Amino acid sequence: MTTAVVANGVLRAVRIGLRLSQDDFAKALRRAGQELGEPNEASKRLVQRWESGTSKTPRGVYSRALERVTGRPVEALGFTLPVPMARVHSDGTGGHDMDARAGGVTSAAVGAQAAAQTAAETFSGVWLSRYEFFSSSRDETYEGKHYVVIVQHGNRLTAQSLPGASINPDSPLTLDLTVDRNVVTGSWVEQTASDGYYNGARYHGAIQLLVEPTGRRMAGKWVGFGKDFDVNTGPWELRLVDRSTSKAALEQYSRAPE
């Protein structure tokens, strides 16, 4: 049975969000290796193999360089990483425990990435992301805005905020979405600024949006946990502002939305 090659849209979106070409990204990885005391031989060809999905698992020296350059754990960069196969054994007291046997290793499930890659790439581009949230400590509703670059592979959409493209400085936003006809469902993560009101807190949750017939706007709601372990929700929309993901387009929108 032949395993289908699934492109790594997450890594590509992160790279594009950093406004780096594949060659520049490879150079940044080599610099990171030098800084870490672990020289590597990252090349444009290697980056191409990662993004195309022909190479699914980076070696440790590259994993650590990737984390340094992107600021994200390698598990969040779209790779298929090896995980131990779970085993059950007696705990000696009449029950059972789980452990990881070194000899049994399987590939991490790729979930939605295994879906058919037949969907047209209609959502790639720069979008304005806007959501609203209520701050209980300030008793007021606030708005979050980011310019994000969306990269599409099949039915998977990965959105990454552009550098400096937030009304709140240093609050990078990531969306990992799946398209099912006119319904977009997935998760969101936002890292707040360390010197901001939320002191560097990391927030995350789920999101579901409906795509308008024009394909230029998605609107729906987010859900996530608040500081008091309550579940909060609010409106979220994405509006297309530019179909291009060229370097010039990304530079144009690497600024705070109005």
Foldseek 3Di string as FASTA:
>chain_A
DDDDQFFQQLQVQLCLLALHDLQRLQVQLQVLCVVVVHGDRRGSVVSVCNRRRVDQEDDPSSQSSVCVVRVDHSVRRRGFDKDFDWDWDDPPPPDIDIDGDPVGIDTDDNVPSSDDQPDDFDQFAKKKKKWWDADPVVRDIDMKIFTWGWDDGRQWIKIWGHAAAIPAHPWIKIWTWGDDPQKIKGKMKIFHDCPDPVNRDIWMFIWMWGADPVNFKTKDKTWTADPVRDIDMTIMMIGHDTNDSHSVRSVVNNHYDD
